[in-house]
mmCIF file of all heavy atoms, coordinates in Angstrom:
data_MODEL
# 
_entry.id   MODEL 
# 
loop_
_atom_site.group_PDB 
_atom_site.id 
_atom_site.type_symbol 
_atom_site.label_atom_id 
_atom_site.label_alt_id 
_atom_site.label_comp_id 
_atom_site.label_asym_id 
_atom_site.label_entity_id 
_atom_site.label_seq_id 
_atom_site.pdbx_PDB_ins_code 
_atom_site.Cartn_x 
_atom_site.Cartn_y 
_atom_site.Cartn_z 
_atom_site.occupancy 
_atom_site.B_iso_or_equiv 
_atom_site.pdbx_formal_charge 
_atom_site.auth_seq_id 
_atom_site.auth_comp_id 
_atom_site.auth_asym_id 
_atom_site.auth_atom_id 
_atom_site.pdbx_PDB_model_num 
ATOM 1   N N   . LYS A 1 1  ? 0.841   -1.184 -0.001  1.00 0.00 ? 1  LYS A N   1 
ATOM 2   C CA  . LYS A 1 1  ? 0.006   -0.011 0.002   1.00 0.00 ? 1  LYS A CA  1 
ATOM 3   C C   . LYS A 1 1  ? 0.880   1.265  0.008   1.00 0.00 ? 1  LYS A C   1 
ATOM 4   O O   . LYS A 1 1  ? 1.854   1.393  0.765   1.00 0.00 ? 1  LYS A O   1 
ATOM 5   C CB  . LYS A 1 1  ? -0.903  -0.010 1.229   1.00 0.00 ? 1  LYS A CB  1 
ATOM 6   C CG  . LYS A 1 1  ? -2.163  0.841  1.156   1.00 0.00 ? 1  LYS A CG  1 
ATOM 7   C CD  . LYS A 1 1  ? -3.087  0.565  2.320   1.00 0.00 ? 1  LYS A CD  1 
ATOM 8   C CE  . LYS A 1 1  ? -3.698  -0.814 2.256   1.00 0.00 ? 1  LYS A CE  1 
ATOM 9   N NZ  . LYS A 1 1  ? -4.689  -1.010 3.353   1.00 0.00 ? 1  LYS A NZ  1 
ATOM 10  N N   . GLY A 1 2  ? 0.538   2.199  -0.877  1.00 0.00 ? 2  GLY A N   1 
ATOM 11  C CA  . GLY A 1 2  ? 1.295   3.374  -0.986  1.00 0.00 ? 2  GLY A CA  1 
ATOM 12  C C   . GLY A 1 2  ? 2.498   3.290  -1.933  1.00 0.00 ? 2  GLY A C   1 
ATOM 13  O O   . GLY A 1 2  ? 3.112   4.311  -2.317  1.00 0.00 ? 2  GLY A O   1 
ATOM 14  N N   . ARG A 1 3  ? 2.828   2.125  -2.334  1.00 0.00 ? 3  ARG A N   1 
ATOM 15  C CA  . ARG A 1 3  ? 4.000   1.858  -3.293  1.00 0.00 ? 3  ARG A CA  1 
ATOM 16  C C   . ARG A 1 3  ? 3.534   1.342  -4.645  1.00 0.00 ? 3  ARG A C   1 
ATOM 17  O O   . ARG A 1 3  ? 4.136   1.662  -5.692  1.00 0.00 ? 3  ARG A O   1 
ATOM 18  C CB  . ARG A 1 3  ? 5.019   0.943  -2.644  1.00 0.00 ? 3  ARG A CB  1 
ATOM 19  C CG  . ARG A 1 3  ? 5.622   1.411  -1.386  1.00 0.00 ? 3  ARG A CG  1 
ATOM 20  C CD  . ARG A 1 3  ? 6.797   0.491  -0.941  1.00 0.00 ? 3  ARG A CD  1 
ATOM 21  N NE  . ARG A 1 3  ? 6.336   -0.890 -0.717  1.00 0.00 ? 3  ARG A NE  1 
ATOM 22  C CZ  . ARG A 1 3  ? 6.832   -1.948 -1.284  1.00 0.00 ? 3  ARG A CZ  1 
ATOM 23  N NH1 . ARG A 1 3  ? 7.784   -1.816 -2.232  1.00 0.00 ? 3  ARG A NH1 1 
ATOM 24  N NH2 . ARG A 1 3  ? 6.459   -3.145 -1.001  1.00 0.00 ? 3  ARG A NH2 1 
ATOM 25  N N   . PHE A 1 4  ? 2.537   0.496  -4.641  1.00 0.00 ? 4  PHE A N   1 
ATOM 26  C CA  . PHE A 1 4  ? 2.071   -0.143 -5.852  1.00 0.00 ? 4  PHE A CA  1 
ATOM 27  C C   . PHE A 1 4  ? 0.702   0.433  -6.201  1.00 0.00 ? 4  PHE A C   1 
ATOM 28  O O   . PHE A 1 4  ? -0.072  0.861  -5.380  1.00 0.00 ? 4  PHE A O   1 
ATOM 29  C CB  . PHE A 1 4  ? 1.914   -1.629 -5.654  1.00 0.00 ? 4  PHE A CB  1 
ATOM 30  C CG  . PHE A 1 4  ? 3.137   -2.474 -5.472  1.00 0.00 ? 4  PHE A CG  1 
ATOM 31  C CD1 . PHE A 1 4  ? 4.370   -1.826 -5.314  1.00 0.00 ? 4  PHE A CD1 1 
ATOM 32  C CD2 . PHE A 1 4  ? 3.098   -3.826 -5.558  1.00 0.00 ? 4  PHE A CD2 1 
ATOM 33  C CE1 . PHE A 1 4  ? 5.508   -2.538 -5.141  1.00 0.00 ? 4  PHE A CE1 1 
ATOM 34  C CE2 . PHE A 1 4  ? 4.190   -4.569 -5.394  1.00 0.00 ? 4  PHE A CE2 1 
ATOM 35  C CZ  . PHE A 1 4  ? 5.458   -3.949 -5.203  1.00 0.00 ? 4  PHE A CZ  1 
ATOM 36  N N   . SER A 1 5  ? 0.419   0.465  -7.534  1.00 0.00 ? 5  SER A N   1 
ATOM 37  C CA  . SER A 1 5  ? -0.810  0.981  -8.057  1.00 0.00 ? 5  SER A CA  1 
ATOM 38  C C   . SER A 1 5  ? -1.393  0.068  -9.142  1.00 0.00 ? 5  SER A C   1 
ATOM 39  O O   . SER A 1 5  ? -0.664  -0.175 -10.140 1.00 0.00 ? 5  SER A O   1 
ATOM 40  C CB  . SER A 1 5  ? -0.670  2.383  -8.547  1.00 0.00 ? 5  SER A CB  1 
ATOM 41  O OG  . SER A 1 5  ? -1.844  2.871  -9.122  1.00 0.00 ? 5  SER A OG  1 
ATOM 42  N N   . ILE A 1 6  ? -2.580  -0.418 -9.001  1.00 0.00 ? 6  ILE A N   1 
ATOM 43  C CA  . ILE A 1 6  ? -3.210  -1.206 -10.033 1.00 0.00 ? 6  ILE A CA  1 
ATOM 44  C C   . ILE A 1 6  ? -4.124  -0.362 -10.897 1.00 0.00 ? 6  ILE A C   1 
ATOM 45  O O   . ILE A 1 6  ? -4.755  0.555  -10.337 1.00 0.00 ? 6  ILE A O   1 
ATOM 46  C CB  . ILE A 1 6  ? -3.964  -2.408 -9.405  1.00 0.00 ? 6  ILE A CB  1 
ATOM 47  C CG1 . ILE A 1 6  ? -4.474  -3.376 -10.442 1.00 0.00 ? 6  ILE A CG1 1 
ATOM 48  C CG2 . ILE A 1 6  ? -5.115  -1.937 -8.519  1.00 0.00 ? 6  ILE A CG2 1 
ATOM 49  C CD1 . ILE A 1 6  ? -5.042  -4.721 -9.872  1.00 0.00 ? 6  ILE A CD1 1 
ATOM 50  N N   . SER A 1 7  ? -4.135  -0.643 -12.175 1.00 0.00 ? 7  SER A N   1 
ATOM 51  C CA  . SER A 1 7  ? -5.033  0.091  -13.090 1.00 0.00 ? 7  SER A CA  1 
ATOM 52  C C   . SER A 1 7  ? -5.441  -0.813 -14.188 1.00 0.00 ? 7  SER A C   1 
ATOM 53  O O   . SER A 1 7  ? -4.913  -1.902 -14.360 1.00 0.00 ? 7  SER A O   1 
ATOM 54  C CB  . SER A 1 7  ? -4.356  1.349  -13.613 1.00 0.00 ? 7  SER A CB  1 
ATOM 55  O OG  . SER A 1 7  ? -3.164  1.016  -14.397 1.00 0.00 ? 7  SER A OG  1 
ATOM 56  N N   . ARG A 1 8  ? -6.410  -0.352 -15.023 1.00 0.00 ? 8  ARG A N   1 
ATOM 57  C CA  . ARG A 1 8  ? -6.910  -1.157 -16.092 1.00 0.00 ? 8  ARG A CA  1 
ATOM 58  C C   . ARG A 1 8  ? -7.275  -0.276 -17.258 1.00 0.00 ? 8  ARG A C   1 
ATOM 59  O O   . ARG A 1 8  ? -7.635  0.938  -17.090 1.00 0.00 ? 8  ARG A O   1 
ATOM 60  C CB  . ARG A 1 8  ? -8.092  -2.015 -15.651 1.00 0.00 ? 8  ARG A CB  1 
ATOM 61  C CG  . ARG A 1 8  ? -9.330  -1.222 -15.295 1.00 0.00 ? 8  ARG A CG  1 
ATOM 62  C CD  . ARG A 1 8  ? -10.356 -2.100 -14.627 1.00 0.00 ? 8  ARG A CD  1 
ATOM 63  N NE  . ARG A 1 8  ? -10.837 -3.158 -15.520 1.00 0.00 ? 8  ARG A NE  1 
ATOM 64  C CZ  . ARG A 1 8  ? -11.427 -4.288 -15.099 1.00 0.00 ? 8  ARG A CZ  1 
ATOM 65  N NH1 . ARG A 1 8  ? -11.565 -4.559 -13.781 1.00 0.00 ? 8  ARG A NH1 1 
ATOM 66  N NH2 . ARG A 1 8  ? -11.830 -5.207 -15.939 1.00 0.00 ? 8  ARG A NH2 1 
ATOM 67  N N   . ASP A 1 9  ? -7.229  -0.831 -18.475 1.00 0.00 ? 9  ASP A N   1 
ATOM 68  C CA  . ASP A 1 9  ? -7.696  -0.196 -19.688 1.00 0.00 ? 9  ASP A CA  1 
ATOM 69  C C   . ASP A 1 9  ? -8.670  -1.172 -20.311 1.00 0.00 ? 9  ASP A C   1 
ATOM 70  O O   . ASP A 1 9  ? -8.317  -2.146 -20.996 1.00 0.00 ? 9  ASP A O   1 
ATOM 71  C CB  . ASP A 1 9  ? -6.518  0.091  -20.611 1.00 0.00 ? 9  ASP A CB  1 
ATOM 72  C CG  . ASP A 1 9  ? -6.897  0.857  -21.885 1.00 0.00 ? 9  ASP A CG  1 
ATOM 73  O OD1 . ASP A 1 9  ? -8.068  0.795  -22.258 1.00 0.00 ? 9  ASP A OD1 1 
ATOM 74  O OD2 . ASP A 1 9  ? -6.042  1.502  -22.406 1.00 0.00 ? 9  ASP A OD2 1 
ATOM 75  N N   . ASN A 1 10 ? -9.966  -0.901 -20.098 1.00 0.00 ? 10 ASN A N   1 
ATOM 76  C CA  . ASN A 1 10 ? -10.987 -1.809 -20.639 1.00 0.00 ? 10 ASN A CA  1 
ATOM 77  C C   . ASN A 1 10 ? -11.025 -1.865 -22.170 1.00 0.00 ? 10 ASN A C   1 
ATOM 78  O O   . ASN A 1 10 ? -11.436 -2.813 -22.758 1.00 0.00 ? 10 ASN A O   1 
ATOM 79  C CB  . ASN A 1 10 ? -12.346 -1.457 -20.078 1.00 0.00 ? 10 ASN A CB  1 
ATOM 80  C CG  . ASN A 1 10 ? -12.501 -1.798 -18.619 1.00 0.00 ? 10 ASN A CG  1 
ATOM 81  O OD1 . ASN A 1 10 ? -11.750 -2.607 -18.074 1.00 0.00 ? 10 ASN A OD1 1 
ATOM 82  N ND2 . ASN A 1 10 ? -13.407 -1.163 -17.935 1.00 0.00 ? 10 ASN A ND2 1 
ATOM 83  N N   . ALA A 1 11 ? -10.604 -0.797 -22.822 1.00 0.00 ? 11 ALA A N   1 
ATOM 84  C CA  . ALA A 1 11 ? -10.624 -0.712 -24.282 1.00 0.00 ? 11 ALA A CA  1 
ATOM 85  C C   . ALA A 1 11 ? -9.576  -1.658 -24.838 1.00 0.00 ? 11 ALA A C   1 
ATOM 86  O O   . ALA A 1 11 ? -9.722  -2.180 -25.958 1.00 0.00 ? 11 ALA A O   1 
ATOM 87  C CB  . ALA A 1 11 ? -10.384 0.703  -24.746 1.00 0.00 ? 11 ALA A CB  1 
ATOM 88  N N   . LYS A 1 12 ? -8.490  -1.856 -24.043 1.00 0.00 ? 12 LYS A N   1 
ATOM 89  C CA  . LYS A 1 12 ? -7.380  -2.720 -24.565 1.00 0.00 ? 12 LYS A CA  1 
ATOM 90  C C   . LYS A 1 12 ? -7.316  -4.046 -23.879 1.00 0.00 ? 12 LYS A C   1 
ATOM 91  O O   . LYS A 1 12 ? -6.489  -4.863 -24.117 1.00 0.00 ? 12 LYS A O   1 
ATOM 92  C CB  . LYS A 1 12 ? -6.058  -2.012 -24.389 1.00 0.00 ? 12 LYS A CB  1 
ATOM 93  C CG  . LYS A 1 12 ? -5.904  -0.730 -25.121 1.00 0.00 ? 12 LYS A CG  1 
ATOM 94  C CD  . LYS A 1 12 ? -4.494  -0.081 -24.882 1.00 0.00 ? 12 LYS A CD  1 
ATOM 95  C CE  . LYS A 1 12 ? -4.322  1.188  -25.694 1.00 0.00 ? 12 LYS A CE  1 
ATOM 96  N NZ  . LYS A 1 12 ? -3.032  1.798  -25.452 1.00 0.00 ? 12 LYS A NZ  1 
ATOM 97  N N   . ASN A 1 13 ? -8.276  -4.333 -22.966 1.00 0.00 ? 13 ASN A N   1 
ATOM 98  C CA  . ASN A 1 13 ? -8.265  -5.610 -22.157 1.00 0.00 ? 13 ASN A CA  1 
ATOM 99  C C   . ASN A 1 13 ? -6.976  -5.799 -21.445 1.00 0.00 ? 13 ASN A C   1 
ATOM 100 O O   . ASN A 1 13 ? -6.348  -6.852 -21.511 1.00 0.00 ? 13 ASN A O   1 
ATOM 101 C CB  . ASN A 1 13 ? -8.565  -6.790 -23.115 1.00 0.00 ? 13 ASN A CB  1 
ATOM 102 C CG  . ASN A 1 13 ? -10.027 -6.945 -23.419 1.00 0.00 ? 13 ASN A CG  1 
ATOM 103 O OD1 . ASN A 1 13 ? -10.836 -6.008 -23.235 1.00 0.00 ? 13 ASN A OD1 1 
ATOM 104 N ND2 . ASN A 1 13 ? -10.394 -8.002 -24.010 1.00 0.00 ? 13 ASN A ND2 1 
ATOM 105 N N   . MET A 1 14 ? -6.463  -4.720 -20.807 1.00 0.00 ? 14 MET A N   1 
ATOM 106 C CA  . MET A 1 14 ? -5.162  -4.737 -20.115 1.00 0.00 ? 14 MET A CA  1 
ATOM 107 C C   . MET A 1 14 ? -5.341  -4.289 -18.678 1.00 0.00 ? 14 MET A C   1 
ATOM 108 O O   . MET A 1 14 ? -6.210  -3.496 -18.326 1.00 0.00 ? 14 MET A O   1 
ATOM 109 C CB  . MET A 1 14 ? -4.211  -3.781 -20.762 1.00 0.00 ? 14 MET A CB  1 
ATOM 110 C CG  . MET A 1 14 ? -3.844  -4.107 -22.199 1.00 0.00 ? 14 MET A CG  1 
ATOM 111 S SD  . MET A 1 14 ? -2.770  -5.543 -22.392 1.00 0.00 ? 14 MET A SD  1 
ATOM 112 C CE  . MET A 1 14 ? -1.265  -4.999 -21.549 1.00 0.00 ? 14 MET A CE  1 
ATOM 113 N N   . VAL A 1 15 ? -4.566  -4.969 -17.774 1.00 0.00 ? 15 VAL A N   1 
ATOM 114 C CA  . VAL A 1 15 ? -4.452  -4.553 -16.409 1.00 0.00 ? 15 VAL A CA  1 
ATOM 115 C C   . VAL A 1 15 ? -2.995  -4.357 -16.126 1.00 0.00 ? 15 VAL A C   1 
ATOM 116 O O   . VAL A 1 15 ? -2.160  -5.088 -16.634 1.00 0.00 ? 15 VAL A O   1 
ATOM 117 C CB  . VAL A 1 15 ? -5.150  -5.582 -15.453 1.00 0.00 ? 15 VAL A CB  1 
ATOM 118 C CG1 . VAL A 1 15 ? -4.520  -6.937 -15.550 1.00 0.00 ? 15 VAL A CG1 1 
ATOM 119 C CG2 . VAL A 1 15 ? -5.174  -5.062 -14.017 1.00 0.00 ? 15 VAL A CG2 1 
ATOM 120 N N   . TYR A 1 16 ? -2.709  -3.348 -15.289 1.00 0.00 ? 16 TYR A N   1 
ATOM 121 C CA  . TYR A 1 16 ? -1.289  -2.996 -15.015 1.00 0.00 ? 16 TYR A CA  1 
ATOM 122 C C   . TYR A 1 16 ? -1.047  -2.938 -13.501 1.00 0.00 ? 16 TYR A C   1 
ATOM 123 O O   . TYR A 1 16 ? -1.945  -2.757 -12.697 1.00 0.00 ? 16 TYR A O   1 
ATOM 124 C CB  . TYR A 1 16 ? -1.046  -1.542 -15.621 1.00 0.00 ? 16 TYR A CB  1 
ATOM 125 C CG  . TYR A 1 16 ? -1.383  -1.386 -17.025 1.00 0.00 ? 16 TYR A CG  1 
ATOM 126 C CD1 . TYR A 1 16 ? -2.591  -0.836 -17.460 1.00 0.00 ? 16 TYR A CD1 1 
ATOM 127 C CD2 . TYR A 1 16 ? -0.496  -1.853 -18.045 1.00 0.00 ? 16 TYR A CD2 1 
ATOM 128 C CE1 . TYR A 1 16 ? -2.922  -0.730 -18.821 1.00 0.00 ? 16 TYR A CE1 1 
ATOM 129 C CE2 . TYR A 1 16 ? -0.800  -1.764 -19.352 1.00 0.00 ? 16 TYR A CE2 1 
ATOM 130 C CZ  . TYR A 1 16 ? -2.040  -1.159 -19.721 1.00 0.00 ? 16 TYR A CZ  1 
ATOM 131 O OH  . TYR A 1 16 ? -2.341  -1.039 -21.009 1.00 0.00 ? 16 TYR A OH  1 
ATOM 132 N N   . LEU A 1 17 ? 0.211   -3.082 -13.198 1.00 0.00 ? 17 LEU A N   1 
ATOM 133 C CA  . LEU A 1 17 ? 0.664   -2.905 -11.815 1.00 0.00 ? 17 LEU A CA  1 
ATOM 134 C C   . LEU A 1 17 ? 1.938   -2.029 -11.834 1.00 0.00 ? 17 LEU A C   1 
ATOM 135 O O   . LEU A 1 17 ? 2.997   -2.481 -12.279 1.00 0.00 ? 17 LEU A O   1 
ATOM 136 C CB  . LEU A 1 17 ? 0.997   -4.249 -11.139 1.00 0.00 ? 17 LEU A CB  1 
ATOM 137 C CG  . LEU A 1 17 ? 1.316   -4.146 -9.656  1.00 0.00 ? 17 LEU A CG  1 
ATOM 138 C CD1 . LEU A 1 17 ? 0.063   -3.779 -8.892  1.00 0.00 ? 17 LEU A CD1 1 
ATOM 139 C CD2 . LEU A 1 17 ? 1.848   -5.454 -9.122  1.00 0.00 ? 17 LEU A CD2 1 
ATOM 140 N N   . GLN A 1 18 ? 1.804   -0.817 -11.396 1.00 0.00 ? 18 GLN A N   1 
ATOM 141 C CA  . GLN A 1 18 ? 2.904   0.121  -11.270 1.00 0.00 ? 18 GLN A CA  1 
ATOM 142 C C   . GLN A 1 18 ? 3.541   -0.123 -9.879  1.00 0.00 ? 18 GLN A C   1 
ATOM 143 O O   . GLN A 1 18 ? 2.851   -0.018 -8.925  1.00 0.00 ? 18 GLN A O   1 
ATOM 144 C CB  . GLN A 1 18 ? 2.472   1.499  -11.447 1.00 0.00 ? 18 GLN A CB  1 
ATOM 145 C CG  . GLN A 1 18 ? 3.570   2.558  -11.236 1.00 0.00 ? 18 GLN A CG  1 
ATOM 146 C CD  . GLN A 1 18 ? 4.636   2.506  -12.284 1.00 0.00 ? 18 GLN A CD  1 
ATOM 147 O OE1 . GLN A 1 18 ? 4.268   2.349  -13.496 1.00 0.00 ? 18 GLN A OE1 1 
ATOM 148 N NE2 . GLN A 1 18 ? 5.876   2.568  -11.909 1.00 0.00 ? 18 GLN A NE2 1 
ATOM 149 N N   . MET A 1 19 ? 4.845   -0.477 -9.854  1.00 0.00 ? 19 MET A N   1 
ATOM 150 C CA  . MET A 1 19 ? 5.453   -0.748 -8.656  1.00 0.00 ? 19 MET A CA  1 
ATOM 151 C C   . MET A 1 19 ? 6.612   0.230  -8.424  1.00 0.00 ? 19 MET A C   1 
ATOM 152 O O   . MET A 1 19 ? 7.522   0.301  -9.218  1.00 0.00 ? 19 MET A O   1 
ATOM 153 C CB  . MET A 1 19 ? 6.037   -2.204 -8.657  1.00 0.00 ? 19 MET A CB  1 
ATOM 154 C CG  . MET A 1 19 ? 5.021   -3.266 -8.967  1.00 0.00 ? 19 MET A CG  1 
ATOM 155 S SD  . MET A 1 19 ? 5.618   -4.955 -8.852  1.00 0.00 ? 19 MET A SD  1 
ATOM 156 C CE  . MET A 1 19 ? 6.840   -4.985 -10.136 1.00 0.00 ? 19 MET A CE  1 
ATOM 157 N N   . ASN A 1 20 ? 6.505   0.972  -7.378  1.00 0.00 ? 20 ASN A N   1 
ATOM 158 C CA  . ASN A 1 20 ? 7.534   2.022  -7.032  1.00 0.00 ? 20 ASN A CA  1 
ATOM 159 C C   . ASN A 1 20 ? 8.213   1.665  -5.714  1.00 0.00 ? 20 ASN A C   1 
ATOM 160 O O   . ASN A 1 20 ? 7.641   0.895  -4.904  1.00 0.00 ? 20 ASN A O   1 
ATOM 161 C CB  . ASN A 1 20 ? 6.872   3.401  -6.960  1.00 0.00 ? 20 ASN A CB  1 
ATOM 162 C CG  . ASN A 1 20 ? 6.221   3.803  -8.249  1.00 0.00 ? 20 ASN A CG  1 
ATOM 163 O OD1 . ASN A 1 20 ? 6.720   3.476  -9.340  1.00 0.00 ? 20 ASN A OD1 1 
ATOM 164 N ND2 . ASN A 1 20 ? 5.129   4.534  -8.187  1.00 0.00 ? 20 ASN A ND2 1 
ATOM 165 N N   . SER A 1 21 ? 9.328   2.295  -5.461  1.00 0.00 ? 21 SER A N   1 
ATOM 166 C CA  . SER A 1 21 ? 10.013  2.076  -4.172  1.00 0.00 ? 21 SER A CA  1 
ATOM 167 C C   . SER A 1 21 ? 10.222  0.614  -3.911  1.00 0.00 ? 21 SER A C   1 
ATOM 168 O O   . SER A 1 21 ? 9.949   0.140  -2.745  1.00 0.00 ? 21 SER A O   1 
ATOM 169 C CB  . SER A 1 21 ? 9.315   2.804  -3.063  1.00 0.00 ? 21 SER A CB  1 
ATOM 170 O OG  . SER A 1 21 ? 9.147   4.163  -3.282  1.00 0.00 ? 21 SER A OG  1 
ATOM 171 N N   . LEU A 1 22 ? 10.663  -0.109 -4.848  1.00 0.00 ? 22 LEU A N   1 
ATOM 172 C CA  . LEU A 1 22 ? 10.755  -1.585 -4.698  1.00 0.00 ? 22 LEU A CA  1 
ATOM 173 C C   . LEU A 1 22 ? 11.809  -1.907 -3.657  1.00 0.00 ? 22 LEU A C   1 
ATOM 174 O O   . LEU A 1 22 ? 12.847  -1.291 -3.484  1.00 0.00 ? 22 LEU A O   1 
ATOM 175 C CB  . LEU A 1 22 ? 11.081  -2.204 -6.065  1.00 0.00 ? 22 LEU A CB  1 
ATOM 176 C CG  . LEU A 1 22 ? 9.863   -2.352 -6.994  1.00 0.00 ? 22 LEU A CG  1 
ATOM 177 C CD1 . LEU A 1 22 ? 10.334  -2.532 -8.441  1.00 0.00 ? 22 LEU A CD1 1 
ATOM 178 C CD2 . LEU A 1 22 ? 8.980   -3.453 -6.606  1.00 0.00 ? 22 LEU A CD2 1 
ATOM 179 N N   . LYS A 1 23 ? 11.507  -3.048 -2.966  1.00 0.00 ? 23 LYS A N   1 
ATOM 180 C CA  . LYS A 1 23 ? 12.364  -3.574 -1.934  1.00 0.00 ? 23 LYS A CA  1 
ATOM 181 C C   . LYS A 1 23 ? 12.804  -4.988 -2.290  1.00 0.00 ? 23 LYS A C   1 
ATOM 182 O O   . LYS A 1 23 ? 12.086  -5.706 -3.004  1.00 0.00 ? 23 LYS A O   1 
ATOM 183 C CB  . LYS A 1 23 ? 11.617  -3.550 -0.611  1.00 0.00 ? 23 LYS A CB  1 
ATOM 184 C CG  . LYS A 1 23 ? 11.012  -2.301 -0.210  1.00 0.00 ? 23 LYS A CG  1 
ATOM 185 C CD  . LYS A 1 23 ? 10.139  -2.447 1.050   1.00 0.00 ? 23 LYS A CD  1 
ATOM 186 C CE  . LYS A 1 23 ? 9.494   -1.077 1.499   1.00 0.00 ? 23 LYS A CE  1 
ATOM 187 N NZ  . LYS A 1 23 ? 8.658   -1.296 2.699   1.00 0.00 ? 23 LYS A NZ  1 
ATOM 188 N N   . PRO A 1 24 ? 13.921  -5.444 -1.711  1.00 0.00 ? 24 PRO A N   1 
ATOM 189 C CA  . PRO A 1 24 ? 14.332  -6.866 -2.018  1.00 0.00 ? 24 PRO A CA  1 
ATOM 190 C C   . PRO A 1 24 ? 13.244  -7.864 -1.661  1.00 0.00 ? 24 PRO A C   1 
ATOM 191 O O   . PRO A 1 24 ? 13.106  -8.874 -2.317  1.00 0.00 ? 24 PRO A O   1 
ATOM 192 C CB  . PRO A 1 24 ? 15.538  -6.991 -1.091  1.00 0.00 ? 24 PRO A CB  1 
ATOM 193 C CG  . PRO A 1 24 ? 16.140  -5.616 -1.029  1.00 0.00 ? 24 PRO A CG  1 
ATOM 194 C CD  . PRO A 1 24 ? 14.956  -4.707 -1.000  1.00 0.00 ? 24 PRO A CD  1 
# 
């Protein structure tokens, strides 16, 4: 929470996961 963001594009049938401040 606060580092990752899920989103979707229904026109393209795509779902994304933006991952920031990654840790080992």
